Amino acid sequence: MSMNTPYRGPSDCPAVLPLFPLPGALLLPRGEMPLNIFEPRYVAMIDEALRGARVFGMIQPELGHDPQEGLVVAPPLQAIGCAGRITQFAETGDGRYLVTLTGIARFRVVHELETATPFRQARVDFSPYARDFEPRAGEQEVDRDGVIRTLKLFVEANELKVDWKGIRDASNEALVNALAMMSPFEPREKQALLEAPDLKTRAEILIAITEMELARGGSDSPLQ
């Protein structure tokens, strides 16, 4: 398909994805993630993506495994990630790429491939997440007041500055997913937010995690 054609369902998506394992990174459908790509293997991945559909998958290593440790060549990965398309990129002149990745849909890893590329690749299945392709699906079920009320408590506790006008103007999907992606929570919580079956549940998890964080006395890594 054309590099700029909208993805309307699982059948539009590639069956094989390059993978970018990154602890604590959460990409959600239609969310935007800025990335500073500097490792040679992932520079090669971007080069490959730019020659094709500009798509790759963000995925977390399993808990307790960090791909940057160097002690494990290929740490095991979580079963679920999210595919994104490169919608902006720039070369820095020093071998890096500055990339904006826009989320398409979540996927389940079927199996990882043996490949000669420096980056990992896997056969994936988008079919369990067909609803991810529907913008604003389930928005009417979200407890928007609860999300904003909890956000206000978090902001006050951490003395943060927030664009409240932008929050008021945001759709429920944009609000919940942006807050989930920007949240300072641990990889375990980020994976729970990713795997939430629907937007309503993701909002409920976001509220619950934030309330637990507030009960513990806040966070050292503020939303920004």
Protein backbone atom coordinates (compact mmCIF):
# COMPACT_ATOMS: atom_id res chain seq x y z
CA MET A 1 0.00 0.00 0.00
CA SER A 2 1.01 3.64 -0.39
CA MET A 3 3.22 5.01 2.37
CA ASN A 4 0.62 7.69 3.13
CA THR A 5 -2.53 5.55 2.93
CA PRO A 6 -4.60 5.42 6.14
CA TYR A 7 -4.64 2.12 8.01
CA ARG A 8 -8.31 1.18 8.33
CA GLY A 9 -8.04 -2.32 9.77
CA PRO A 10 -5.77 -5.25 10.61
CA SER A 11 -5.61 -6.41 6.99
CA ASP A 12 -3.96 -3.12 5.97
CA CYS A 13 -1.05 -3.66 8.35
CA PRO A 14 2.22 -5.48 7.70
CA ALA A 15 2.45 -9.05 8.95
CA VAL A 16 6.10 -8.53 9.93
CA LEU A 17 7.35 -5.56 11.94
CA PRO A 18 10.76 -4.27 12.94
CA LEU A 19 10.75 -3.92 16.73
CA PHE A 20 12.11 -1.15 18.95
CA PRO A 21 12.29 -2.53 22.52
CA LEU A 22 12.31 0.34 25.00
CA PRO A 23 11.47 0.07 28.73
CA GLY A 24 8.83 2.51 29.91
CA ALA A 25 7.88 3.62 26.39
CA LEU A 26 4.15 3.67 25.74
CA LEU A 27 2.72 4.30 22.28
CA LEU A 28 -1.06 4.23 21.79
CA PRO A 29 -3.24 4.53 18.68
CA ARG A 30 -3.15 8.08 17.25
CA GLY A 31 -0.73 9.18 19.97
CA GLU A 32 2.52 10.88 18.99
CA MET A 33 5.88 9.81 20.39
CA PRO A 34 9.09 11.80 19.79
CA LEU A 35 12.18 9.64 19.49
CA ASN A 36 15.89 10.47 19.39
CA ILE A 37 17.43 7.58 17.45
CA PHE A 38 21.18 7.23 17.89
CA GLU A 39 22.07 3.55 18.34
CA PRO A 40 23.44 2.18 15.03
CA ARG A 41 21.03 -0.78 15.00
CA TYR A 42 18.02 1.52 15.33
CA VAL A 43 19.40 4.04 12.86
CA ALA A 44 19.50 1.06 10.48
CA MET A 45 15.91 0.25 11.44
CA ILE A 46 14.80 3.80 10.58
CA ASP A 47 16.67 3.62 7.28
CA GLU A 48 14.84 0.40 6.47
CA ALA A 49 11.47 1.82 7.53
CA LEU A 50 11.95 4.93 5.40
CA ARG A 51 12.51 2.71 2.35
CA GLY A 52 9.14 1.07 2.93
CA ALA A 53 5.89 1.86 4.74
CA ARG A 54 7.65 3.84 7.51
CA VAL A 55 6.18 1.52 10.16
CA PHE A 56 7.76 -0.22 13.14
CA GLY A 57 6.61 -1.54 16.51
CA MET A 58 7.27 -0.11 19.96
CA ILE A 59 7.43 -2.84 22.58
CA GLN A 60 8.75 -3.22 26.11
CA PRO A 61 11.17 -5.91 27.26
CA GLU A 62 9.72 -8.25 29.83
CA LEU A 63 10.00 -6.91 33.35
CA GLY A 64 13.50 -7.20 34.73
CA HIS A 65 15.16 -7.15 31.31
CA ASP A 66 16.77 -4.02 29.92
CA PRO A 67 17.96 -4.13 26.28
CA GLN A 68 20.64 -1.56 27.11
CA GLU A 69 22.32 -3.67 29.80
CA GLY A 70 24.55 -5.42 27.31
CA LEU A 71 24.45 -8.63 29.33
CA VAL A 72 21.54 -10.05 27.39
CA VAL A 73 21.82 -10.00 23.62
CA ALA A 74 18.11 -10.40 22.99
CA PRO A 75 16.03 -9.97 26.14
CA PRO A 76 12.57 -11.52 26.01
CA LEU A 77 9.81 -9.11 25.00
CA GLN A 78 6.29 -8.45 26.17
CA ALA A 79 3.62 -10.16 24.09
CA ILE A 80 1.85 -6.91 23.15
CA GLY A 81 3.18 -3.71 21.59
CA CYS A 82 1.92 -0.89 19.40
CA ALA A 83 2.81 -0.16 15.79
CA GLY A 84 3.52 3.37 14.69
CA ARG A 85 4.24 5.19 11.47
CA ILE A 86 7.00 7.75 11.05
CA THR A 87 5.12 10.98 10.41
CA GLN A 88 8.04 13.36 10.90
CA PHE A 89 11.79 12.88 10.80
CA ALA A 90 14.92 14.95 10.62
CA GLU A 91 18.61 14.16 10.28
CA THR A 92 20.82 15.83 12.85
CA GLY A 93 24.07 15.69 10.88
CA ASP A 94 25.80 13.65 13.59
CA GLY A 95 24.30 10.28 12.73
CA ARG A 96 21.04 10.62 14.66
CA TYR A 97 17.41 10.78 13.58
CA LEU A 98 14.75 12.86 15.33
CA VAL A 99 11.51 11.03 14.67
CA THR A 100 7.85 11.50 15.49
CA LEU A 101 6.04 8.16 15.59
CA THR A 102 2.23 8.22 15.34
CA GLY A 103 0.44 5.19 16.77
CA ILE A 104 -1.60 2.98 14.44
CA ALA A 105 -2.80 0.01 16.49
CA ARG A 106 -1.67 -2.54 19.03
CA PHE A 107 -0.41 -5.96 17.99
CA ARG A 108 0.35 -9.33 19.55
CA VAL A 109 3.70 -10.95 18.78
CA VAL A 110 3.14 -14.29 17.07
CA HIS A 111 6.82 -15.20 17.01
CA GLU A 112 10.14 -13.46 16.61
CA LEU A 113 12.03 -14.04 13.38
CA GLU A 114 15.61 -15.09 12.88
CA THR A 115 17.05 -12.31 10.77
CA ALA A 116 20.37 -10.93 9.62
CA THR A 117 19.32 -7.35 10.34
CA PRO A 118 20.85 -5.66 13.40
CA PHE A 119 17.35 -4.88 14.69
CA ARG A 120 14.78 -7.43 15.79
CA GLN A 121 11.72 -8.37 13.76
CA ALA A 122 8.60 -10.37 14.51
CA ARG A 123 5.54 -11.76 12.85
CA VAL A 124 2.60 -9.99 14.47
CA ASP A 125 -1.18 -10.16 14.65
CA PHE A 126 -3.33 -7.01 14.73
CA SER A 127 -6.69 -8.81 14.64
CA PRO A 128 -7.30 -8.81 18.45
CA TYR A 129 -7.18 -5.00 18.34
CA ALA A 130 -9.46 -4.21 15.39
CA ARG A 131 -11.21 -1.52 17.43
CA ASP A 132 -7.94 0.42 17.69
CA PHE A 133 -8.52 1.53 14.10
CA GLU A 134 -11.77 3.33 15.05
CA PRO A 135 -10.96 6.90 16.15
CA ARG A 136 -12.61 7.84 19.46
CA ALA A 137 -14.15 4.38 19.98
CA GLY A 138 -15.77 4.10 23.42
CA GLU A 139 -15.25 7.76 24.33
CA GLN A 140 -18.75 8.17 25.75
CA GLU A 141 -18.02 5.58 28.45
CA VAL A 142 -14.99 7.40 29.87
CA ASP A 143 -15.26 9.06 33.29
CA ARG A 144 -13.79 12.33 32.01
CA ASP A 145 -14.53 14.20 35.26
CA GLY A 146 -12.71 11.51 37.22
CA VAL A 147 -9.67 11.71 34.95
CA ILE A 148 -9.47 15.51 35.22
CA ARG A 149 -10.09 15.49 38.97
CA THR A 150 -7.26 13.00 39.52
CA LEU A 151 -4.99 14.95 37.17
CA LYS A 152 -5.60 18.14 39.16
CA LEU A 153 -4.62 16.39 42.39
CA PHE A 154 -1.44 15.06 40.76
CA VAL A 155 -0.57 18.47 39.32
CA GLU A 156 -1.07 20.19 42.68
CA ALA A 157 0.93 17.56 44.56
CA ASN A 158 3.86 17.87 42.15
CA GLU A 159 3.61 21.64 41.51
CA LEU A 160 3.35 21.18 37.76
CA LYS A 161 2.23 23.52 35.01
CA VAL A 162 -0.46 22.15 32.72
CA ASP A 163 -2.22 23.51 29.64
CA TRP A 164 -5.74 23.35 31.05
CA LYS A 165 -7.27 24.90 27.93
CA GLY A 166 -5.72 22.16 25.84
CA ILE A 167 -7.09 19.58 28.26
CA ARG A 168 -10.59 21.08 28.12
CA ASP A 169 -10.50 21.06 24.31
CA ALA A 170 -9.15 17.51 23.97
CA SER A 171 -11.40 14.61 23.07
CA ASN A 172 -11.69 11.85 25.65
CA GLU A 173 -9.50 9.57 23.56
CA ALA A 174 -6.80 12.20 23.09
CA LEU A 175 -6.94 13.14 26.79
CA VAL A 176 -6.70 9.62 28.20
CA ASN A 177 -4.10 8.36 25.73
CA ALA A 178 -1.89 11.46 25.96
CA LEU A 179 -1.92 11.36 29.78
CA ALA A 180 -1.17 7.63 29.73
CA MET A 181 1.76 8.11 27.33
CA MET A 182 3.21 11.05 29.27
CA SER A 183 2.71 9.51 32.69
CA PRO A 184 5.85 8.98 34.83
CA PHE A 185 4.89 5.49 35.91
CA GLU A 186 6.94 2.29 35.90
CA PRO A 187 7.11 -0.16 32.97
CA ARG A 188 4.65 -2.53 34.68
CA GLU A 189 2.02 0.22 34.90
CA LYS A 190 2.76 1.37 31.34
CA GLN A 191 2.15 -2.16 30.07
CA ALA A 192 -1.14 -2.34 31.97
CA LEU A 193 -2.24 0.90 30.31
CA LEU A 194 -1.25 -0.50 26.90
CA GLU A 195 -3.12 -3.76 27.42
CA ALA A 196 -6.35 -2.17 28.69
CA PRO A 197 -9.15 -3.68 26.60
CA ASP A 198 -10.86 -0.35 25.92
CA LEU A 199 -10.62 3.38 26.55
CA LYS A 200 -12.91 3.27 29.59
CA THR A 201 -10.71 0.66 31.27
CA ARG A 202 -7.55 2.57 30.37
CA ALA A 203 -8.98 5.68 32.03
CA GLU A 204 -9.88 3.66 35.14
CA ILE A 205 -6.36 2.18 35.32
CA LEU A 206 -4.85 5.65 34.85
CA ILE A 207 -6.95 7.02 37.72
CA ALA A 208 -6.11 4.06 39.98
CA ILE A 209 -2.36 4.23 39.31
CA THR A 210 -2.32 8.00 39.84
CA GLU A 211 -4.22 7.68 43.11
CA MET A 212 -1.74 5.03 44.31
CA GLU A 213 1.15 7.31 43.33
CA LEU A 214 -0.41 10.19 45.27
CA ALA A 215 -0.91 7.93 48.30
CA ARG A 216 2.81 7.09 48.17
CA GLY A 217 3.66 10.79 48.15
CA GLY A 218 3.91 11.67 44.46
CA SER A 219 6.51 11.00 41.81
CA ASP A 220 10.07 12.08 41.16
CA SER A 221 9.39 12.05 37.42
CA PRO A 222 6.67 14.60 36.69
CA LEU A 223 4.34 14.64 33.73
CA GLN A 224 5.70 17.05 31.15
